[in-house]
Protein backbone atom coordinates (compact mmCIF):
# COMPACT_ATOMS: atom_id res chain seq x y z
CA MET A 1 -6.41 22.61 -19.55
CA ASP A 2 -5.23 21.10 -16.29
CA GLN A 3 -2.94 23.48 -14.39
CA ASP A 4 -0.55 20.64 -13.52
CA GLU A 5 0.23 20.02 -17.20
CA ASP A 6 2.41 23.15 -17.30
CA MET A 7 4.11 22.59 -13.94
CA GLU A 8 7.88 22.42 -14.19
CA ILE A 9 10.02 21.26 -11.26
CA GLN A 10 13.54 22.67 -11.12
CA TYR A 11 16.21 20.57 -9.39
CA SER A 12 18.93 22.96 -8.25
CA LYS A 13 20.60 19.85 -6.84
CA PRO A 14 19.31 16.89 -8.88
CA MET A 15 17.70 13.86 -7.27
CA LEU A 16 19.50 10.53 -7.60
CA PHE A 17 17.08 8.11 -9.21
CA ALA A 18 19.10 4.94 -9.81
CA LYS A 19 22.58 3.44 -9.71
CA ARG A 20 23.77 0.96 -12.28
CA PRO A 21 25.45 -1.40 -12.17
CA ILE A 22 24.45 -2.38 -8.64
CA LYS A 23 25.18 -5.57 -6.73
CA TYR A 24 24.08 -7.12 -3.45
CA LEU A 25 24.85 -4.90 -0.41
CA ASP A 26 25.77 -1.84 -2.51
CA SER A 27 24.33 1.38 -1.09
CA ILE A 28 24.38 5.05 -1.98
CA SER A 29 22.77 8.18 -0.51
CA ASP A 30 22.38 11.68 -1.89
CA ASN A 31 20.58 14.93 -1.06
CA PHE A 32 18.43 16.95 -3.50
CA LYS A 33 16.70 20.36 -3.72
CA THR A 34 13.68 21.43 -5.79
CA THR A 35 11.62 24.52 -6.56
CA PHE A 36 8.32 24.84 -8.42
CA THR A 37 5.20 26.98 -8.68
CA ARG A 38 1.66 25.62 -8.60
CA GLN A 39 -1.58 27.60 -8.46
CA ASN A 40 0.37 30.85 -7.86
CA MET A 41 2.19 29.42 -4.83
CA ASP A 42 5.96 28.94 -4.70
CA PHE A 43 7.24 25.65 -3.33
CA GLU A 44 10.71 24.74 -2.18
CA GLY A 45 11.73 21.20 -1.37
CA ASN A 46 14.67 19.23 -0.16
CA GLY A 47 15.26 15.64 0.67
CA LYS A 48 17.46 12.61 0.77
CA VAL A 49 17.51 9.48 -1.39
CA ASN A 50 18.90 6.18 -0.12
CA ILE A 51 19.44 3.23 -2.47
CA VAL A 52 20.49 -0.15 -1.12
CA ALA A 53 20.60 -3.57 -2.75
CA ASP A 54 19.39 -5.39 0.35
CA GLY A 55 18.15 -8.79 -0.83
CA TYR A 56 19.14 -11.64 -3.10
CA GLY A 57 17.44 -14.95 -3.86
CA THR A 58 14.30 -16.43 -5.38
CA LEU A 59 11.22 -14.39 -6.37
CA ILE A 60 7.90 -16.19 -6.84
CA LEU A 61 5.25 -14.28 -8.80
CA PRO A 62 1.78 -15.47 -9.90
CA ASN A 63 3.06 -16.22 -13.41
CA LYS A 64 6.61 -17.49 -12.82
CA LYS A 65 9.44 -18.27 -10.41
CA TYR A 66 12.71 -16.34 -10.84
CA GLU A 67 16.11 -17.37 -9.46
CA SER A 68 19.13 -15.19 -8.64
CA VAL A 69 17.06 -12.03 -8.15
CA LEU A 70 18.37 -8.80 -6.62
CA ARG A 71 16.06 -6.58 -4.55
CA VAL A 72 16.80 -2.85 -4.49
CA LYS A 73 15.16 -0.59 -1.90
CA ILE A 74 14.92 3.14 -2.69
CA THR A 75 13.72 5.59 -0.03
CA GLN A 76 13.05 9.26 -0.69
CA ASN A 77 12.40 11.54 2.28
CA THR A 78 11.12 14.92 1.08
CA THR A 79 10.21 18.11 2.94
CA THR A 80 8.30 20.71 0.92
CA THR A 81 7.66 24.29 2.05
CA ILE A 82 5.09 26.73 0.64
CA LYS A 83 7.21 29.88 0.64
CA GLN A 84 4.33 32.36 0.99
CA TYR A 85 3.00 30.65 4.14
CA GLY A 86 6.03 28.89 5.58
CA SER A 87 4.00 25.68 5.94
CA LYS A 88 5.86 22.41 5.58
CA SER A 89 4.85 18.92 4.56
CA GLU A 90 6.87 15.74 4.71
CA MET A 91 6.59 12.73 2.43
CA LEU A 92 8.24 9.33 2.48
CA ASN A 93 8.31 7.31 -0.73
CA THR A 94 9.67 3.76 -0.55
CA THR A 95 10.17 1.76 -3.72
CA TYR A 96 11.19 -1.88 -3.89
CA VAL A 97 12.33 -3.31 -7.25
CA TRP A 98 13.47 -6.81 -8.12
CA PHE A 99 15.84 -7.50 -11.04
CA ASP A 100 17.50 -10.50 -12.65
CA ASN A 101 20.18 -10.75 -15.35
CA ASN A 102 17.74 -11.97 -18.04
CA HIS A 103 15.33 -9.00 -18.26
CA THR A 104 15.84 -5.29 -18.89
CA SER A 105 12.67 -4.43 -16.92
CA ALA A 106 12.06 -4.94 -13.24
CA LEU A 107 10.36 -8.23 -12.41
CA LEU A 108 8.38 -6.64 -9.58
CA LYS A 109 7.96 -3.07 -8.33
CA ILE A 110 6.21 -1.91 -5.18
CA ASP A 111 5.75 1.82 -4.46
CA ILE A 112 4.60 3.05 -1.05
CA THR A 113 3.93 6.76 -0.46
CA LYS A 114 3.14 8.12 2.99
CA SER A 115 2.44 11.65 4.21
CA ALA A 116 0.02 13.40 6.53
CA TYR A 117 -2.26 14.10 3.52
CA TYR A 118 -1.71 11.22 1.13
CA ASN A 119 -1.04 7.48 1.36
CA ASP A 120 -0.78 5.13 -1.60
CA LYS A 121 0.60 1.73 -2.53
CA THR A 122 1.01 0.27 -6.03
CA VAL A 123 2.28 -3.13 -7.12
CA GLN A 124 3.40 -3.96 -10.66
CA PHE A 125 4.95 -7.14 -12.00
CA LEU A 126 6.39 -8.25 -15.33
CA ILE A 127 4.07 -10.40 -17.41
CA LYS A 128 6.22 -10.48 -20.53
CA GLU A 129 8.85 -8.32 -22.13
CA LYS A 130 9.01 -7.36 -25.82
CA TYR A 131 12.08 -6.02 -27.57
């Protein structure tokens, strides 16, 4: 059994994940705190989430062109400390999502994660939506 399967993260101050409804130029920020244990080490984290609807217009994807699309940018700055050692790591996660009024799912989502130990980028776009 993978040790991460049983990992439980406690949010003593929950992390803001989304704001709905949201319209062009809306913005919101919030702080969060976490604690968890992994491989017999205690971790404590804190960070800030910023959500801003910073773009509006046309989105052209490989399969379709969408009009009247809202782009929402979500940034999460997190600092995590290993309590036993006092070592800290910082991570920045930036997510861009594009929405229109005709779909319940995002039309496009880009996730970018950066830290001293890990960098990743994923891109997902809507092919079709079933109800």
